[in-house]
N, C-alpha and C. Protein backbone atom coordinates (compact mmCIF):
# COMPACT_ATOMS: atom_id res chain seq x y z
N UNK A 1 2.02 8.32 -21.21
CA UNK A 1 2.28 9.41 -22.13
C UNK A 1 3.29 10.35 -21.45
N UNK A 2 4.29 10.72 -22.17
CA UNK A 2 5.33 11.60 -21.62
C UNK A 2 4.90 13.05 -21.73
N UNK A 3 5.57 13.91 -20.96
CA UNK A 3 5.23 15.33 -20.94
C UNK A 3 5.34 15.98 -22.31
N UNK A 4 6.37 15.62 -23.08
CA UNK A 4 6.53 16.24 -24.40
C UNK A 4 5.43 15.79 -25.36
N UNK A 5 4.93 14.57 -25.19
CA UNK A 5 3.82 14.11 -26.03
C UNK A 5 2.55 14.88 -25.68
N UNK A 6 2.34 15.12 -24.40
CA UNK A 6 1.18 15.88 -23.96
C UNK A 6 1.26 17.31 -24.49
N UNK A 7 2.44 17.91 -24.39
CA UNK A 7 2.63 19.28 -24.89
C UNK A 7 2.35 19.35 -26.39
N UNK A 8 2.81 18.36 -27.13
CA UNK A 8 2.57 18.32 -28.57
C UNK A 8 1.08 18.20 -28.87
N UNK A 9 0.40 17.34 -28.16
CA UNK A 9 -1.04 17.17 -28.35
C UNK A 9 -1.78 18.47 -28.06
N UNK A 10 -1.40 19.15 -26.97
CA UNK A 10 -2.04 20.42 -26.63
C UNK A 10 -1.77 21.49 -27.69
N UNK A 11 -0.55 21.53 -28.22
CA UNK A 11 -0.22 22.49 -29.28
C UNK A 11 -1.07 22.23 -30.53
N UNK A 12 -1.22 20.96 -30.87
CA UNK A 12 -2.03 20.60 -32.03
C UNK A 12 -3.50 20.97 -31.82
N UNK A 13 -4.00 20.72 -30.61
CA UNK A 13 -5.40 21.05 -30.30
C UNK A 13 -5.61 22.56 -30.32
N UNK A 14 -4.64 23.30 -29.86
CA UNK A 14 -4.74 24.76 -29.88
C UNK A 14 -4.71 25.28 -31.32
N UNK A 15 -3.81 24.75 -32.12
CA UNK A 15 -3.68 25.17 -33.52
C UNK A 15 -4.92 24.84 -34.33
N UNK A 16 -5.56 23.72 -34.04
CA UNK A 16 -6.75 23.31 -34.81
C UNK A 16 -8.02 24.03 -34.35
N UNK A 17 -7.95 24.72 -33.22
CA UNK A 17 -9.13 25.42 -32.71
C UNK A 17 -9.98 24.56 -31.78
N UNK A 18 -9.56 23.34 -31.55
CA UNK A 18 -10.32 22.43 -30.70
C UNK A 18 -10.45 22.97 -29.27
N UNK A 19 -9.37 23.55 -28.74
CA UNK A 19 -9.42 24.07 -27.38
C UNK A 19 -10.33 25.29 -27.27
N UNK A 20 -10.30 26.15 -28.28
CA UNK A 20 -11.11 27.36 -28.24
C UNK A 20 -12.61 27.07 -28.22
N UNK A 21 -13.00 25.89 -28.68
CA UNK A 21 -14.42 25.57 -28.71
C UNK A 21 -14.97 25.21 -27.33
N UNK A 22 -14.09 24.98 -26.38
CA UNK A 22 -14.55 24.68 -25.02
C UNK A 22 -15.13 25.95 -24.40
N UNK A 23 -16.28 25.84 -23.75
CA UNK A 23 -16.94 27.04 -23.22
C UNK A 23 -16.13 27.73 -22.14
N UNK A 24 -15.23 27.04 -21.48
CA UNK A 24 -14.43 27.67 -20.41
C UNK A 24 -13.07 28.15 -20.91
N UNK A 25 -12.81 28.05 -22.20
CA UNK A 25 -11.50 28.45 -22.74
C UNK A 25 -11.23 29.93 -22.47
N UNK A 26 -10.06 30.21 -21.90
CA UNK A 26 -9.64 31.58 -21.65
C UNK A 26 -10.28 32.24 -20.44
N UNK A 27 -11.08 31.48 -19.69
CA UNK A 27 -11.75 32.03 -18.52
C UNK A 27 -11.12 31.42 -17.26
N UNK A 28 -11.15 32.16 -16.16
CA UNK A 28 -10.63 31.59 -14.92
C UNK A 28 -11.48 30.41 -14.48
N UNK A 29 -10.87 29.48 -13.78
CA UNK A 29 -11.61 28.33 -13.29
C UNK A 29 -12.60 28.78 -12.22
N UNK A 30 -13.75 28.14 -12.20
CA UNK A 30 -14.76 28.45 -11.20
C UNK A 30 -14.26 28.03 -9.82
N UNK A 31 -14.55 28.85 -8.83
CA UNK A 31 -14.13 28.54 -7.46
C UNK A 31 -14.93 27.35 -6.95
N UNK A 32 -14.26 26.48 -6.25
CA UNK A 32 -14.88 25.31 -5.66
C UNK A 32 -14.93 25.54 -4.15
N UNK A 33 -16.12 25.49 -3.57
CA UNK A 33 -16.29 25.82 -2.16
C UNK A 33 -15.43 24.96 -1.24
N UNK A 34 -15.20 23.72 -1.60
CA UNK A 34 -14.43 22.84 -0.73
C UNK A 34 -12.94 22.88 -0.92
N UNK A 35 -12.47 23.62 -1.91
CA UNK A 35 -11.04 23.63 -2.25
C UNK A 35 -10.19 24.09 -1.08
N UNK A 36 -10.53 25.20 -0.47
CA UNK A 36 -9.73 25.74 0.63
C UNK A 36 -9.78 24.84 1.86
N UNK A 37 -10.88 24.11 2.05
CA UNK A 37 -11.01 23.24 3.21
C UNK A 37 -10.30 21.91 3.02
N UNK A 38 -9.86 21.62 1.80
CA UNK A 38 -9.19 20.36 1.50
C UNK A 38 -7.70 20.49 1.79
N UNK A 39 -7.12 19.52 2.50
CA UNK A 39 -5.67 19.58 2.76
C UNK A 39 -4.88 19.63 1.44
N UNK A 40 -3.78 20.36 1.46
CA UNK A 40 -2.97 20.53 0.25
C UNK A 40 -2.61 19.21 -0.41
N UNK A 41 -2.27 18.21 0.40
CA UNK A 41 -1.84 16.93 -0.17
C UNK A 41 -2.96 16.18 -0.88
N UNK A 42 -4.20 16.56 -0.63
CA UNK A 42 -5.33 15.87 -1.25
C UNK A 42 -5.99 16.65 -2.38
N UNK A 43 -5.63 17.92 -2.53
CA UNK A 43 -6.31 18.74 -3.52
C UNK A 43 -6.20 18.19 -4.94
N UNK A 44 -5.01 17.91 -5.39
CA UNK A 44 -4.84 17.44 -6.76
C UNK A 44 -5.44 16.05 -6.98
N UNK A 45 -5.19 15.08 -6.09
CA UNK A 45 -5.82 13.77 -6.31
C UNK A 45 -7.35 13.86 -6.33
N UNK A 46 -7.93 14.66 -5.43
CA UNK A 46 -9.38 14.80 -5.41
C UNK A 46 -9.88 15.50 -6.67
N UNK A 47 -9.14 16.48 -7.15
CA UNK A 47 -9.53 17.20 -8.38
C UNK A 47 -9.52 16.25 -9.57
N UNK A 48 -8.51 15.41 -9.66
CA UNK A 48 -8.41 14.44 -10.75
C UNK A 48 -9.60 13.47 -10.70
N UNK A 49 -9.89 12.98 -9.50
CA UNK A 49 -11.02 12.06 -9.35
C UNK A 49 -12.34 12.75 -9.71
N UNK A 50 -12.50 13.99 -9.28
CA UNK A 50 -13.72 14.74 -9.58
C UNK A 50 -13.89 14.92 -11.09
N UNK A 51 -12.80 15.28 -11.77
CA UNK A 51 -12.87 15.47 -13.21
C UNK A 51 -13.18 14.17 -13.95
N UNK A 52 -12.83 13.05 -13.33
CA UNK A 52 -13.11 11.75 -13.92
C UNK A 52 -14.52 11.27 -13.58
N UNK A 53 -15.25 12.08 -12.81
CA UNK A 53 -16.62 11.71 -12.47
C UNK A 53 -16.74 10.88 -11.22
N UNK A 54 -15.69 10.82 -10.41
CA UNK A 54 -15.71 10.04 -9.19
C UNK A 54 -15.23 10.93 -8.05
N UNK A 55 -15.89 10.87 -6.94
CA UNK A 55 -15.45 11.63 -5.78
C UNK A 55 -15.46 10.72 -4.56
N UNK A 56 -14.35 10.65 -3.84
CA UNK A 56 -14.33 9.85 -2.62
C UNK A 56 -15.25 10.48 -1.57
N UNK A 57 -15.70 9.70 -0.61
CA UNK A 57 -16.64 10.21 0.39
C UNK A 57 -16.09 11.40 1.18
N UNK A 58 -14.79 11.50 1.30
CA UNK A 58 -14.20 12.61 2.05
C UNK A 58 -14.50 13.95 1.39
N UNK A 59 -14.66 13.97 0.09
CA UNK A 59 -14.97 15.21 -0.62
C UNK A 59 -16.33 15.73 -0.17
N UNK A 60 -17.30 14.85 -0.05
CA UNK A 60 -18.62 15.26 0.42
C UNK A 60 -18.54 15.84 1.83
N UNK A 61 -17.68 15.26 2.66
CA UNK A 61 -17.51 15.79 4.01
C UNK A 61 -16.92 17.19 3.98
N UNK A 62 -15.96 17.43 3.10
CA UNK A 62 -15.37 18.77 2.98
C UNK A 62 -16.43 19.78 2.51
N UNK A 63 -17.30 19.36 1.59
CA UNK A 63 -18.37 20.24 1.13
C UNK A 63 -19.37 20.53 2.25
N UNK A 64 -19.69 19.50 3.03
CA UNK A 64 -20.58 19.71 4.17
C UNK A 64 -19.96 20.68 5.17
N UNK A 65 -18.66 20.54 5.38
CA UNK A 65 -17.96 21.44 6.31
C UNK A 65 -18.03 22.88 5.82
N UNK A 66 -17.78 23.10 4.55
CA UNK A 66 -17.84 24.44 3.98
C UNK A 66 -19.27 25.00 4.07
N UNK A 67 -20.27 24.17 3.83
CA UNK A 67 -21.66 24.61 3.93
C UNK A 67 -22.01 25.02 5.36
N UNK A 68 -21.59 24.20 6.33
CA UNK A 68 -21.85 24.53 7.73
C UNK A 68 -21.16 25.83 8.13
N UNK A 69 -19.93 26.02 7.68
CA UNK A 69 -19.22 27.26 8.00
C UNK A 69 -19.95 28.47 7.42
N UNK A 70 -20.48 28.34 6.22
CA UNK A 70 -21.24 29.44 5.61
C UNK A 70 -22.53 29.70 6.37
N UNK A 71 -23.20 28.63 6.80
CA UNK A 71 -24.44 28.78 7.58
C UNK A 71 -24.17 29.48 8.91
N UNK A 72 -23.06 29.11 9.55
CA UNK A 72 -22.70 29.73 10.82
C UNK A 72 -22.42 31.22 10.63
N UNK A 73 -21.72 31.55 9.57
CA UNK A 73 -21.39 32.95 9.30
C UNK A 73 -22.64 33.78 9.04
N UNK A 74 -23.66 33.17 8.43
CA UNK A 74 -24.87 33.89 8.09
C UNK A 74 -25.95 33.82 9.16
N UNK A 75 -25.74 33.02 10.18
CA UNK A 75 -26.77 32.77 11.19
C UNK A 75 -26.88 33.94 12.17
N UNK A 76 -28.12 34.37 12.42
CA UNK A 76 -28.36 35.46 13.35
C UNK A 76 -28.85 34.99 14.71
N UNK A 77 -29.34 33.78 14.78
CA UNK A 77 -29.89 33.23 16.02
C UNK A 77 -28.78 32.49 16.78
N UNK A 78 -28.53 32.90 18.00
CA UNK A 78 -27.43 32.33 18.79
C UNK A 78 -27.64 30.84 19.09
N UNK A 79 -28.88 30.44 19.38
CA UNK A 79 -29.16 29.03 19.67
C UNK A 79 -28.89 28.17 18.44
N UNK A 80 -29.36 28.63 17.30
CA UNK A 80 -29.13 27.90 16.05
C UNK A 80 -27.64 27.87 15.73
N UNK A 81 -26.94 28.99 15.97
CA UNK A 81 -25.50 29.05 15.70
C UNK A 81 -24.75 28.01 16.54
N UNK A 82 -25.14 27.86 17.82
CA UNK A 82 -24.49 26.86 18.68
C UNK A 82 -24.74 25.44 18.15
N UNK A 83 -25.97 25.20 17.68
CA UNK A 83 -26.28 23.87 17.13
C UNK A 83 -25.45 23.60 15.88
N UNK A 84 -25.32 24.61 15.02
CA UNK A 84 -24.52 24.46 13.80
C UNK A 84 -23.05 24.25 14.15
N UNK A 85 -22.56 24.97 15.16
CA UNK A 85 -21.17 24.81 15.57
C UNK A 85 -20.92 23.42 16.14
N UNK A 86 -21.91 22.88 16.86
CA UNK A 86 -21.79 21.52 17.37
C UNK A 86 -21.74 20.51 16.21
N UNK A 87 -22.61 20.72 15.23
CA UNK A 87 -22.58 19.85 14.04
C UNK A 87 -21.24 19.95 13.33
N UNK A 88 -20.72 21.17 13.23
CA UNK A 88 -19.42 21.38 12.59
C UNK A 88 -18.32 20.66 13.35
N UNK A 89 -18.36 20.72 14.66
CA UNK A 89 -17.36 20.02 15.48
C UNK A 89 -17.41 18.52 15.27
N UNK A 90 -18.62 17.96 15.24
CA UNK A 90 -18.78 16.52 15.01
C UNK A 90 -18.29 16.13 13.62
N UNK A 91 -18.62 16.96 12.64
CA UNK A 91 -18.18 16.69 11.27
C UNK A 91 -16.66 16.79 11.17
N UNK A 92 -16.07 17.79 11.81
CA UNK A 92 -14.61 17.94 11.78
C UNK A 92 -13.93 16.74 12.40
N UNK A 93 -14.51 16.22 13.48
CA UNK A 93 -13.94 15.04 14.13
C UNK A 93 -14.05 13.82 13.20
N UNK A 94 -15.20 13.65 12.58
CA UNK A 94 -15.39 12.53 11.65
C UNK A 94 -14.40 12.63 10.49
N UNK A 95 -14.23 13.82 9.97
CA UNK A 95 -13.31 14.03 8.86
C UNK A 95 -11.87 13.76 9.29
N UNK A 96 -11.50 14.24 10.46
CA UNK A 96 -10.14 14.01 10.97
C UNK A 96 -9.87 12.51 11.13
N UNK A 97 -10.84 11.78 11.63
CA UNK A 97 -10.67 10.33 11.79
C UNK A 97 -10.51 9.63 10.44
N UNK A 98 -11.29 10.04 9.46
CA UNK A 98 -11.18 9.43 8.13
C UNK A 98 -9.83 9.73 7.50
N UNK A 99 -9.39 10.99 7.63
CA UNK A 99 -8.09 11.37 7.05
C UNK A 99 -6.95 10.65 7.77
N UNK A 100 -7.06 10.50 9.08
CA UNK A 100 -6.02 9.78 9.82
C UNK A 100 -5.99 8.31 9.40
N UNK A 101 -7.15 7.72 9.16
CA UNK A 101 -7.21 6.34 8.68
C UNK A 101 -6.52 6.22 7.32
N UNK A 102 -6.72 7.21 6.45
CA UNK A 102 -6.05 7.20 5.14
C UNK A 102 -4.53 7.33 5.32
N UNK A 103 -4.12 8.25 6.20
CA UNK A 103 -2.68 8.44 6.43
C UNK A 103 -2.03 7.18 6.97
N UNK A 104 -2.67 6.57 7.98
CA UNK A 104 -2.07 5.39 8.62
C UNK A 104 -2.07 4.18 7.69
N UNK A 105 -2.99 4.15 6.75
CA UNK A 105 -3.01 3.02 5.82
C UNK A 105 -2.05 3.24 4.64
N UNK A 106 -1.47 4.44 4.57
CA UNK A 106 -0.52 4.73 3.50
C UNK A 106 -1.17 5.07 2.18
N UNK A 107 -2.45 5.40 2.17
CA UNK A 107 -3.15 5.70 0.93
C UNK A 107 -2.88 7.11 0.44
N UNK A 108 -2.27 7.96 1.28
CA UNK A 108 -1.80 9.26 0.80
C UNK A 108 -0.74 9.79 1.70
């Protein structure tokens, strides 16, 4: 489908009121916790896959990373904070290895 065909379809949907019936119409998109942690080159492909109901395993790792960072920020116990930071380091290494494997294989 070409861009002008998509634009025409969207204009028709807007004119018919079909778009306005969507509950998120006219509202800002909800923030996604993993968005900022996702490399720029992967944001759009991952978003497309997510909207299609499929998420590659790397997305779960980005969400885990964001969760660990939030836990560290909220943690008051120094021993627990060190354990969380160690987990975050291991997760970051695992994620870096997976992303490097994708890069070297030419998948992105």
